Amino acid sequence: MDIGERLKEARQEKDISLESLQDITKIQKRYLEAIEAGNFEKLPGNFYARAFIKEYALVVGLDPEELLEEFKTQIPAPDETENTQYTRFSRTQKEKEKNHSIFSFIPTIIVVILVIGIIVSMVYFLNKKPDSNSPVDEESNIDKNEFYVTDPDEKESKEEPKEDTEKESNEKDTNEDAQSDDSNTTLELVEEGTGNHPESIFKLSKPEDEVKIVVESGSKTWLEIQGTNGERLFYDSLTEETSPHELDVTGEEEVFFNIGYAADFTITINGTELEYPIDPTDVVTQKIRVKIGNEE
């Protein structure tokens, strides 16, 4: 078996068509067919042959490095010019990943600073001594041996505010319960996808201050997650060993999921699991778009 047959066999086991593979990898179908047939001369260059094979392998659940090492005699080696381009490309990718990892810590640092500030404020107010000018409880200065005659009218006038206080407390509790009910997060299906490559749309209403997504796979599943402006938040294979994977998408207006094998893959947003509108055992490759916003 050559490398093309190995890739084709893995694709068919995943029940992924060439059209779906083209949508996921963005590699033209004719190049995918050339790879499966072993016609590498039809590809744009030797560098692209290795790059395309890696993308193909990721989607069908194979390890790209092991595959290239096993079939290294079948794959044309890139010339000196292509090696230079590849080195520059790898260096640029590493710099981008480094910058991204640095900026990803900024929200965490801000949250830690805020938490420390809240704790310090609480300690300060709890330990603050009463002001010497504060009014003194008059009852504490009453001699225990002294007796006073209480006017009945005065007693009634003092008890009336107590009823008002209880009424205000009940109203406050009612308002707090209503606000608590209104703060619940809901995940609503807006549009069910159709065709061979369905794209379904959900709406996340009344989100909390933070929006966190947890993705989990029971096998090796290729996954792409994009933010509001099409920026890739995740682009790799997710395995059972690397699951669950959490993403903080606070501030994003929408999140797009491109799932290679949905039958063994779950998405949870703020503790609510997303239910596929289309049976993932019937259509394994699915696209999900979640729009994030408050209801008016």
C-alpha atoms as a PDB file:
ATOM      1  CA  MET A   1       0.000   0.000   0.000  1.00  0.00           C
ATOM      2  CA  ASP A   2       1.377   3.457  -0.941  1.00  0.00           C
ATOM      3  CA  ILE A   3       0.703   6.722   0.872  1.00  0.00           C
ATOM      4  CA  GLY A   4      -2.199   7.719  -1.404  1.00  0.00           C
ATOM      5  CA  GLU A   5      -4.033   4.448  -0.806  1.00  0.00           C
ATOM      6  CA  ARG A   6      -3.405   4.764   2.954  1.00  0.00           C
ATOM      7  CA  LEU A   7      -4.960   8.265   3.019  1.00  0.00           C
ATOM      8  CA  LYS A   8      -7.916   7.216   0.844  1.00  0.00           C
ATOM      9  CA  GLU A   9      -8.631   4.195   3.064  1.00  0.00           C
ATOM     10  CA  ALA A  10      -8.622   6.396   6.206  1.00  0.00           C
ATOM     11  CA  ARG A  11     -10.949   8.923   4.519  1.00  0.00           C
ATOM     12  CA  GLN A  12     -13.441   6.222   3.542  1.00  0.00           C
ATOM     13  CA  GLU A  13     -13.378   4.784   7.083  1.00  0.00           C
ATOM     14  CA  LYS A  14     -14.369   8.255   8.370  1.00  0.00           C
ATOM     15  CA  ASP A  15     -17.110   8.435   5.706  1.00  0.00           C
ATOM     16  CA  ILE A  16     -15.742  11.751   4.395  1.00  0.00           C
ATOM     17  CA  SER A  17     -16.270  12.596   0.729  1.00  0.00           C
ATOM     18  CA  LEU A  18     -13.689  14.403  -1.412  1.00  0.00           C
ATOM     19  CA  GLU A  19     -16.046  17.390  -1.548  1.00  0.00           C
ATOM     20  CA  SER A  20     -16.171  17.558   2.265  1.00  0.00           C
ATOM     21  CA  LEU A  21     -12.407  17.154   2.450  1.00  0.00           C
ATOM     22  CA  GLN A  22     -12.024  20.044   0.001  1.00  0.00           C
ATOM     23  CA  ASP A  23     -14.282  22.270   2.154  1.00  0.00           C
ATOM     24  CA  ILE A  24     -12.357  21.434   5.325  1.00  0.00           C
ATOM     25  CA  THR A  25      -8.755  21.660   4.037  1.00  0.00           C
ATOM     26  CA  LYS A  26      -9.338  24.339   1.342  1.00  0.00           C
ATOM     27  CA  ILE A  27      -7.304  22.112  -1.036  1.00  0.00           C
ATOM     28  CA  GLN A  28      -8.753  21.755  -4.538  1.00  0.00           C
ATOM     29  CA  LYS A  29     -10.395  18.407  -5.262  1.00  0.00           C
ATOM     30  CA  ARG A  30      -8.113  17.710  -8.245  1.00  0.00           C
ATOM     31  CA  TYR A  31      -5.069  17.950  -5.979  1.00  0.00           C
ATOM     32  CA  LEU A  32      -6.670  15.590  -3.445  1.00  0.00           C
ATOM     33  CA  GLU A  33      -7.356  13.086  -6.233  1.00  0.00           C
ATOM     34  CA  ALA A  34      -3.754  13.428  -7.429  1.00  0.00           C
ATOM     35  CA  ILE A  35      -2.464  12.665  -3.906  1.00  0.00           C
ATOM     36  CA  GLU A  36      -4.639   9.529  -3.635  1.00  0.00           C
ATOM     37  CA  ALA A  37      -3.421   8.392  -7.068  1.00  0.00           C
ATOM     38  CA  GLY A  38       0.225   9.154  -6.251  1.00  0.00           C
ATOM     39  CA  ASN A  39       0.507  11.707  -9.088  1.00  0.00           C
ATOM     40  CA  PHE A  40       2.562  14.275  -7.165  1.00  0.00           C
ATOM     41  CA  GLU A  41       3.771  15.884 -10.378  1.00  0.00           C
ATOM     42  CA  LYS A  42       0.276  17.391 -10.769  1.00  0.00           C
ATOM     43  CA  LEU A  43       0.716  19.380  -7.553  1.00  0.00           C
ATOM     44  CA  PRO A  44       2.041  22.990  -7.601  1.00  0.00           C
ATOM     45  CA  GLY A  45       5.404  21.881  -6.184  1.00  0.00           C
ATOM     46  CA  ASN A  46       7.182  19.414  -3.908  1.00  0.00           C
ATOM     47  CA  PHE A  47       6.744  21.698  -0.901  1.00  0.00           C
ATOM     48  CA  TYR A  48       2.974  21.744  -1.465  1.00  0.00           C
ATOM     49  CA  ALA A  49       2.935  17.942  -1.749  1.00  0.00           C
ATOM     50  CA  ARG A  50       4.159  17.580   1.851  1.00  0.00           C
ATOM     51  CA  ALA A  51       1.929  20.410   3.114  1.00  0.00           C
ATOM     52  CA  PHE A  52      -1.203  18.996   1.414  1.00  0.00           C
ATOM     53  CA  ILE A  53      -0.490  15.484   2.736  1.00  0.00           C
ATOM     54  CA  LYS A  54      -0.197  16.850   6.302  1.00  0.00           C
ATOM     55  CA  GLU A  55      -3.550  18.660   6.018  1.00  0.00           C
ATOM     56  CA  TYR A  56      -5.190  15.545   4.535  1.00  0.00           C
ATOM     57  CA  ALA A  57      -3.774  13.324   7.315  1.00  0.00           C
ATOM     58  CA  LEU A  58      -5.000  15.605  10.115  1.00  0.00           C
ATOM     59  CA  VAL A  59      -8.597  15.516   8.873  1.00  0.00           C
ATOM     60  CA  VAL A  60      -8.763  11.715   8.497  1.00  0.00           C
ATOM     61  CA  GLY A  61      -7.155  11.119  11.906  1.00  0.00           C
ATOM     62  CA  LEU A  62      -3.627  10.044  10.901  1.00  0.00           C
ATOM     63  CA  ASP A  63      -0.385  11.347  12.418  1.00  0.00           C
ATOM     64  CA  PRO A  64       1.235  13.498   9.682  1.00  0.00           C
ATOM     65  CA  GLU A  65       4.824  13.105  10.893  1.00  0.00           C
ATOM     66  CA  GLU A  66       4.601   9.319  11.246  1.00  0.00           C
ATOM     67  CA  LEU A  67       2.967   9.081   7.819  1.00  0.00           C
ATOM     68  CA  LEU A  68       5.653  11.189   6.112  1.00  0.00           C
ATOM     69  CA  GLU A  69       8.408   9.197   7.818  1.00  0.00           C
ATOM     70  CA  GLU A  70       6.869   5.844   6.820  1.00  0.00           C
ATOM     71  CA  PHE A  71       6.451   6.819   3.150  1.00  0.00           C
ATOM     72  CA  LYS A  72       9.377   9.247   2.829  1.00  0.00           C
ATOM     73  CA  THR A  73      10.739   7.360  -0.214  1.00  0.00           C
ATOM     74  CA  GLN A  74       7.472   7.974  -2.113  1.00  0.00           C
ATOM     75  CA  ILE A  75       7.251  11.719  -1.445  1.00  0.00           C
ATOM     76  CA  PRO A  76       9.377  14.056  -3.603  1.00  0.00           C
ATOM     77  CA  ALA A  77      11.791  16.162  -1.557  1.00  0.00           C
ATOM     78  CA  PRO A  78      11.478  19.966  -1.901  1.00  0.00           C
ATOM     79  CA  ASP A  79      14.298  21.804  -3.692  1.00  0.00           C
ATOM     80  CA  GLU A  80      16.528  24.404  -1.996  1.00  0.00           C
ATOM     81  CA  THR A  81      14.228  27.330  -2.866  1.00  0.00           C
ATOM     82  CA  GLU A  82      11.165  25.586  -1.438  1.00  0.00           C
ATOM     83  CA  ASN A  83      13.108  24.645   1.705  1.00  0.00           C
ATOM     84  CA  THR A  84      13.939  28.310   2.224  1.00  0.00           C
ATOM     85  CA  GLN A  85      10.279  29.263   1.793  1.00  0.00           C
ATOM     86  CA  TYR A  86       9.206  26.531   4.194  1.00  0.00           C
ATOM     87  CA  THR A  87      11.750  27.661   6.822  1.00  0.00           C
ATOM     88  CA  ARG A  88      10.510  31.246   6.590  1.00  0.00           C
ATOM     89  CA  PHE A  89       6.899  30.066   6.777  1.00  0.00           C
ATOM     90  CA  SER A  90       7.605  27.914   9.868  1.00  0.00           C
ATOM     91  CA  ARG A  91       9.436  30.770  11.580  1.00  0.00           C
ATOM     92  CA  THR A  92       6.542  33.156  10.888  1.00  0.00           C
ATOM     93  CA  GLN A  93       4.011  30.634  12.241  1.00  0.00           C
ATOM     94  CA  LYS A  94       6.040  30.141  15.422  1.00  0.00           C
ATOM     95  CA  GLU A  95       6.276  33.912  15.967  1.00  0.00           C
ATOM     96  CA  LYS A  96       2.499  34.247  15.528  1.00  0.00           C
ATOM     97  CA  GLU A  97       1.862  31.407  17.995  1.00  0.00           C
ATOM     98  CA  LYS A  98       4.271  32.999  20.502  1.00  0.00           C
ATOM     99  CA  ASN A  99       2.579  36.398  20.254  1.00  0.00           C
ATOM    100  CA  HIS A 100      -0.837  34.775  20.546  1.00  0.00           C
ATOM    101  CA  SER A 101       0.184  32.856  23.685  1.00  0.00           C
ATOM    102  CA  ILE A 102       1.494  36.067  25.290  1.00  0.00           C
ATOM    103  CA  PHE A 103      -1.690  38.023  24.613  1.00  0.00           C
ATOM    104  CA  SER A 104      -3.862  35.118  25.764  1.00  0.00           C
ATOM    105  CA  PHE A 105      -2.545  35.627  29.325  1.00  0.00           C
ATOM    106  CA  ILE A 106      -3.621  39.287  29.465  1.00  0.00           C
ATOM    107  CA  PRO A 107      -7.325  38.585  30.332  1.00  0.00           C
ATOM    108  CA  THR A 108      -6.222  36.187  33.085  1.00  0.00           C
ATOM    109  CA  ILE A 109      -3.880  38.787  34.587  1.00  0.00           C
ATOM    110  CA  ILE A 110      -6.640  41.411  34.558  1.00  0.00           C
ATOM    111  CA  VAL A 111      -9.057  39.037  36.324  1.00  0.00           C
ATOM    112  CA  VAL A 112      -6.436  38.207  38.988  1.00  0.00           C
ATOM    113  CA  ILE A 113      -5.797  41.922  39.622  1.00  0.00           C
ATOM    114  CA  LEU A 114      -9.537  42.588  39.989  1.00  0.00           C
ATOM    115  CA  VAL A 115      -9.971  39.684  42.418  1.00  0.00           C
ATOM    116  CA  ILE A 116      -7.039  40.898  44.539  1.00  0.00           C
ATOM    117  CA  GLY A 117      -8.520  44.424  44.563  1.00  0.00           C
ATOM    118  CA  ILE A 118     -11.897  43.117  45.749  1.00  0.00           C
ATOM    119  CA  ILE A 119     -10.315  41.039  48.516  1.00  0.00           C
ATOM    120  CA  VAL A 120      -8.200  43.990  49.741  1.00  0.00           C
ATOM    121  CA  SER A 121     -11.278  46.256  49.790  1.00  0.00           C
ATOM    122  CA  MET A 122     -13.296  43.712  51.776  1.00  0.00           C
ATOM    123  CA  VAL A 123     -10.523  43.284  54.349  1.00  0.00           C
ATOM    124  CA  TYR A 124     -10.192  47.069  54.691  1.00  0.00           C
ATOM    125  CA  PHE A 125     -13.897  47.667  55.361  1.00  0.00           C
ATOM    126  CA  LEU A 126     -14.201  44.693  57.720  1.00  0.00           C
ATOM    127  CA  ASN A 127     -11.282  45.870  59.826  1.00  0.00           C
ATOM    128  CA  LYS A 128     -12.266  49.554  59.803  1.00  0.00           C
ATOM    129  CA  LYS A 129     -12.981  50.783  63.374  1.00  0.00           C
ATOM    130  CA  PRO A 130     -16.231  52.680  64.129  1.00  0.00           C
ATOM    131  CA  ASP A 131     -15.977  56.446  63.871  1.00  0.00           C
ATOM    132  CA  SER A 132     -15.826  58.233  67.260  1.00  0.00           C
ATOM    133  CA  ASN A 133     -18.488  60.645  65.967  1.00  0.00           C
ATOM    134  CA  SER A 134     -20.931  57.827  65.196  1.00  0.00           C
ATOM    135  CA  PRO A 135     -24.238  57.994  67.106  1.00  0.00           C
ATOM    136  CA  VAL A 136     -24.267  55.927  70.299  1.00  0.00           C
ATOM    137  CA  ASP A 137     -27.055  53.516  71.004  1.00  0.00           C
ATOM    138  CA  GLU A 138     -29.197  55.340  73.530  1.00  0.00           C
ATOM    139  CA  GLU A 139     -30.487  52.113  75.066  1.00  0.00           C
ATOM    140  CA  SER A 140     -26.960  51.189  76.155  1.00  0.00           C
ATOM    141  CA  ASN A 141     -26.850  54.287  78.401  1.00  0.00           C
ATOM    142  CA  ILE A 142     -30.125  53.538  80.198  1.00  0.00           C
ATOM    143  CA  ASP A 143     -29.753  52.572  83.822  1.00  0.00           C
ATOM    144  CA  LYS A 144     -31.095  49.071  84.386  1.00  0.00           C
ATOM    145  CA  ASN A 145     -32.824  50.274  87.589  1.00  0.00           C
ATOM    146  CA  GLU A 146     -34.800  52.991  85.825  1.00  0.00           C
ATOM    147  CA  PHE A 147     -38.333  52.367  84.535  1.00  0.00           C
ATOM    148  CA  TYR A 148     -40.185  54.274  81.856  1.00  0.00           C
ATOM    149  CA  VAL A 149     -43.864  54.478  80.992  1.00  0.00           C
ATOM    150  CA  THR A 150     -44.405  54.016  77.286  1.00  0.00           C
ATOM    151  CA  ASP A 151     -47.098  55.962  75.506  1.00  0.00           C
ATOM    152  CA  PRO A 152     -49.355  53.460  73.575  1.00  0.00           C
ATOM    153  CA  ASP A 153     -49.565  55.855  70.642  1.00  0.00           C
ATOM    154  CA  GLU A 154     -45.790  56.060  70.534  1.00  0.00           C
ATOM    155  CA  LYS A 155     -45.529  52.255  70.486  1.00  0.00           C
ATOM    156  CA  GLU A 156     -47.836  51.982  67.495  1.00  0.00           C
ATOM    157  CA  SER A 157     -45.924  54.681  65.653  1.00  0.00           C
ATOM    158  CA  LYS A 158     -42.677  52.753  66.246  1.00  0.00           C
ATOM    159  CA  GLU A 159     -44.119  49.433  65.032  1.00  0.00           C
ATOM    160  CA  GLU A 160     -45.447  50.824  61.752  1.00  0.00           C
ATOM    161  CA  PRO A 161     -41.994  51.270  60.167  1.00  0.00           C
ATOM    162  CA  LYS A 162     -41.299  47.595  60.964  1.00  0.00           C
ATOM    163  CA  GLU A 163     -44.191  46.536  58.713  1.00  0.00           C
ATOM    164  CA  ASP A 164     -42.899  48.820  55.973  1.00  0.00           C
ATOM    165  CA  THR A 165     -39.438  47.326  56.359  1.00  0.00           C
ATOM    166  CA  GLU A 166     -40.801  43.776  56.013  1.00  0.00           C
ATOM    167  CA  LYS A 167     -42.781  44.838  52.947  1.00  0.00           C
ATOM    168  CA  GLU A 168     -39.708  46.396  51.342  1.00  0.00           C
ATOM    169  CA  SER A 169     -37.675  43.265  52.140  1.00  0.00           C
ATOM    170  CA  ASN A 170     -40.278  41.015  50.462  1.00  0.00           C
ATOM    171  CA  GLU A 171     -40.367  43.272  47.397  1.00  0.00           C
ATOM    172  CA  LYS A 172     -36.559  43.203  47.241  1.00  0.00           C
ATOM    173  CA  ASP A 173     -36.507  39.382  47.388  1.00  0.00           C
ATOM    174  CA  THR A 174     -39.137  39.233  44.625  1.00  0.00           C
ATOM    175  CA  ASN A 175     -37.099  41.575  42.407  1.00  0.00           C
ATOM    176  CA  GLU A 176     -33.936  39.580  43.046  1.00  0.00           C
ATOM    177  CA  ASP A 177     -35.705  36.334  42.069  1.00  0.00           C
ATOM    178  CA  ALA A 178     -36.964  37.956  38.868  1.00  0.00           C
ATOM    179  CA  GLN A 179     -33.481  39.209  38.033  1.00  0.00           C
ATOM    180  CA  SER A 180     -32.052  35.744  38.725  1.00  0.00           C
ATOM    181  CA  ASP A 181     -34.552  34.183  36.317  1.00  0.00           C
ATOM    182  CA  ASP A 182     -33.719  36.784  33.656  1.00  0.00           C
ATOM    183  CA  SER A 183     -30.005  36.060  33.888  1.00  0.00           C
ATOM    184  CA  ASN A 184     -30.312  32.466  32.642  1.00  0.00           C
ATOM    185  CA  THR A 185     -28.386  31.693  29.468  1.00  0.00           C
ATOM    186  CA  THR A 186     -30.359  30.065  26.629  1.00  0.00           C
ATOM    187  CA  LEU A 187     -29.075  28.353  23.476  1.00  0.00           C
ATOM    188  CA  GLU A 188     -31.724  28.505  20.733  1.00  0.00           C
ATOM    189  CA  LEU A 189     -31.688  26.912  17.264  1.00  0.00           C
ATOM    190  CA  VAL A 190     -32.318  29.644  14.665  1.00  0.00           C
ATOM    191  CA  GLU A 191     -31.770  27.744  11.422  1.00  0.00           C
ATOM    192  CA  GLU A 192     -31.186  24.057  10.676  1.00  0.00           C
ATOM    193  CA  GLY A 193     -28.620  23.361   7.972  1.00  0.00           C
ATOM    194  CA  THR A 194     -29.462  21.444   4.803  1.00  0.00           C
ATOM    195  CA  GLY A 195     -27.659  19.555   2.038  1.00  0.00           C
ATOM    196  CA  ASN A 196     -24.529  17.417   2.152  1.00  0.00           C
ATOM    197  CA  HIS A 197     -22.585  20.046   4.118  1.00  0.00           C
ATOM    198  CA  PRO A 198     -25.186  21.591   6.470  1.00  0.00           C
ATOM    199  CA  GLU A 199     -24.458  24.771   8.404  1.00  0.00           C
ATOM    200  CA  SER A 200     -26.812  25.248  11.368  1.00  0.00           C
ATOM    201  CA  ILE A 201     -27.185  28.550  13.233  1.00  0.00           C
ATOM    202  CA  PHE A 202     -27.778  28.934  16.988  1.00  0.00           C
ATOM    203  CA  LYS A 203     -28.290  32.026  19.144  1.00  0.00           C
ATOM    204  CA  LEU A 204     -26.814  32.321  22.629  1.00  0.00           C
ATOM    205  CA  SER A 205     -29.196  34.698  24.442  1.00  0.00           C
ATOM    206  CA  LYS A 206     -28.646  36.508  27.750  1.00  0.00           C
ATOM    207  CA  PRO A 207     -25.001  35.372  28.142  1.00  0.00           C
ATOM    208  CA  GLU A 208     -23.127  35.866  31.409  1.00  0.00           C
ATOM    209  CA  ASP A 209     -20.211  38.284  31.747  1.00  0.00           C
ATOM    210  CA  GLU A 210     -17.947  35.496  30.483  1.00  0.00           C
ATOM    211  CA  VAL A 211     -18.642  33.120  27.599  1.00  0.00           C
ATOM    212  CA  LYS A 212     -16.662  29.897  27.823  1.00  0.00           C
ATOM    213  CA  ILE A 213     -16.753  26.993  25.394  1.00  0.00           C
ATOM    214  CA  VAL A 214     -15.683  23.430  26.208  1.00  0.00           C
ATOM    215  CA  VAL A 215     -15.129  20.978  23.318  1.00  0.00           C
ATOM    216  CA  GLU A 216     -14.544  17.266  23.833  1.00  0.00           C
ATOM    217  CA  SER A 217     -13.847  14.347  21.493  1.00  0.00           C
ATOM    218  CA  GLY A 218     -13.987  10.650  22.171  1.00  0.00           C
ATOM    219  CA  SER A 219     -11.631   9.904  19.262  1.00  0.00           C
ATOM    220  CA  LYS A 220      -9.242  11.789  16.966  1.00  0.00           C
ATOM    221  CA  THR A 221     -11.448  14.473  15.379  1.00  0.00           C
ATOM    222  CA  TRP A 222     -10.346  17.361  13.186  1.00  0.00           C
ATOM    223  CA  LEU A 223     -11.713  20.738  14.341  1.00  0.00           C
ATOM    224  CA  GLU A 224     -11.613  24.364  13.242  1.00  0.00           C
ATOM    225  CA  ILE A 225     -13.021  27.213  15.406  1.00  0.00           C
ATOM    226  CA  GLN A 226     -13.248  30.784  14.112  1.00  0.00           C
ATOM    227  CA  GLY A 227     -14.095  34.034  15.891  1.00  0.00           C
ATOM    228  CA  THR A 228     -16.190  37.023  14.754  1.00  0.00           C
ATOM    229  CA  ASN A 229     -13.798  38.223  12.040  1.00  0.00           C
ATOM    230  CA  GLY A 230     -12.857  34.750  10.791  1.00  0.00           C
ATOM    231  CA  GLU A 231      -9.790  34.567  13.063  1.00  0.00           C
ATOM    232  CA  ARG A 232      -8.825  30.974  13.831  1.00  0.00           C
ATOM    233  CA  LEU A 233      -9.168  30.270  17.555  1.00  0.00           C
ATOM    234  CA  PHE A 234      -8.418  26.536  17.107  1.00  0.00           C
ATOM    235  CA  TYR A 235      -7.160  24.544  14.089  1.00  0.00           C
ATOM    236  CA  ASP A 236      -5.988  21.026  14.879  1.00  0.00           C
ATOM    237  CA  SER A 237      -7.085  17.497  15.691  1.00  0.00           C
ATOM    238  CA  LEU A 238      -8.720  16.960  19.114  1.00  0.00           C
ATOM    239  CA  THR A 239      -8.257  13.563  20.765  1.00  0.00           C
ATOM    240  CA  GLU A 240      -9.621  11.853  23.846  1.00  0.00           C
ATOM    241  CA  GLU A 241      -6.270  12.475  25.571  1.00  0.00           C
ATOM    242  CA  THR A 242      -6.337  16.242  24.852  1.00  0.00           C
ATOM    243  CA  SER A 243     -10.032  16.560  25.827  1.00  0.00           C
ATOM    244  CA  PRO A 244     -11.729  18.505  27.204  1.00  0.00           C
ATOM    245  CA  HIS A 245     -10.393  21.755  25.650  1.00  0.00           C
ATOM    246  CA  GLU A 246     -11.707  25.086  26.971  1.00  0.00           C
ATOM    247  CA  LEU A 247     -11.877  28.391  25.079  1.00  0.00           C
ATOM    248  CA  ASP A 248     -12.795  31.812  26.507  1.00  0.00           C
ATOM    249  CA  VAL A 249     -14.708  33.658  23.738  1.00  0.00           C
ATOM    250  CA  THR A 250     -15.869  36.585  25.853  1.00  0.00           C
ATOM    251  CA  GLY A 251     -16.328  39.634  23.603  1.00  0.00           C
ATOM    252  CA  GLU A 252     -16.902  37.632  20.403  1.00  0.00           C
ATOM    253  CA  GLU A 253     -20.160  38.351  18.545  1.00  0.00           C
ATOM    254  CA  GLU A 254     -20.256  34.879  16.971  1.00  0.00           C
ATOM    255  CA  VAL A 255     -18.278  31.627  16.935  1.00  0.00           C
ATOM    256  CA  PHE A 256     -18.042  29.217  13.965  1.00  0.00           C
ATOM    257  CA  PHE A 257     -17.324  25.463  14.328  1.00  0.00           C
ATOM    258  CA  ASN A 258     -16.148  23.289  11.398  1.00  0.00           C
ATOM    259  CA  ILE A 259     -16.279  19.706  12.715  1.00  0.00           C
ATOM    260  CA  GLY A 260     -14.680  16.813  10.825  1.00  0.00           C
ATOM    261  CA  TYR A 261     -16.337  13.976  12.784  1.00  0.00           C
ATOM    262  CA  ALA A 262     -19.380  15.195  14.735  1.00  0.00           C
ATOM    263  CA  ALA A 263     -20.578  11.704  15.711  1.00  0.00           C
ATOM    264  CA  ASP A 264     -18.020  11.544  18.528  1.00  0.00           C
ATOM    265  CA  PHE A 265     -17.790  15.255  19.413  1.00  0.00           C
ATOM    266  CA  THR A 266     -19.593  17.489  21.972  1.00  0.00           C
ATOM    267  CA  ILE A 267     -19.799  21.277  22.420  1.00  0.00           C
ATOM    268  CA  THR A 268     -20.739  22.899  25.759  1.00  0.00           C
ATOM    269  CA  ILE A 269     -21.295  26.678  26.126  1.00  0.00           C
ATOM    270  CA  ASN A 270     -21.479  28.126  29.657  1.00  0.00           C
ATOM    271  CA  GLY A 271     -22.456  24.691  30.972  1.00  0.00           C
ATOM    272  CA  THR A 272     -25.177  24.114  28.328  1.00  0.00           C
ATOM    273  CA  GLU A 273     -24.513  21.282  25.857  1.00  0.00           C
ATOM    274  CA  LEU A 274     -25.294  22.061  22.207  1.00  0.00           C
ATOM    275  CA  GLU A 275     -27.590  19.458  20.650  1.00  0.00           C
ATOM    276  CA  TYR A 276     -26.987  18.779  16.954  1.00  0.00           C
ATOM    277  CA  PRO A 277     -30.136  19.565  14.922  1.00  0.00           C
ATOM    278  CA  ILE A 278     -29.032  16.938  12.387  1.00  0.00           C
ATOM    279  CA  ASP A 279     -28.151  13.410  13.521  1.00  0.00           C
ATOM    280  CA  PRO A 280     -24.302  13.347  13.495  1.00  0.00           C
ATOM    281  CA  THR A 281     -24.318   9.629  12.691  1.00  0.00           C
ATOM    282  CA  ASP A 282     -26.026  10.473   9.391  1.00  0.00           C
ATOM    283  CA  VAL A 283     -23.915  13.558   8.563  1.00  0.00           C
ATOM    284  CA  VAL A 284     -20.525  13.364  10.294  1.00  0.00           C
ATOM    285  CA  THR A 285     -19.096  16.594   8.864  1.00  0.00           C
ATOM    286  CA  GLN A 286     -21.108  19.538  10.230  1.00  0.00           C
ATOM    287  CA  LYS A 287     -20.765  23.282  10.571  1.00  0.00           C
ATOM    288  CA  ILE A 288     -22.244  25.182  13.502  1.00  0.00           C
ATOM    289  CA  ARG A 289     -22.467  28.984  13.839  1.00  0.00           C
ATOM    290  CA  VAL A 290     -23.372  30.444  17.261  1.00  0.00           C
ATOM    291  CA  LYS A 291     -24.406  34.107  17.401  1.00  0.00           C
ATOM    292  CA  ILE A 292     -23.824  35.688  20.804  1.00  0.00           C
ATOM    293  CA  GLY A 293     -25.977  38.536  22.098  1.00  0.00           C
ATOM    294  CA  ASN A 294     -28.592  39.723  24.625  1.00  0.00           C
ATOM    295  CA  GLU A 295     -32.299  39.658  23.853  1.00  0.00           C
ATOM    296  CA  GLU A 296     -33.969  43.116  23.749  1.00  0.00           C
END
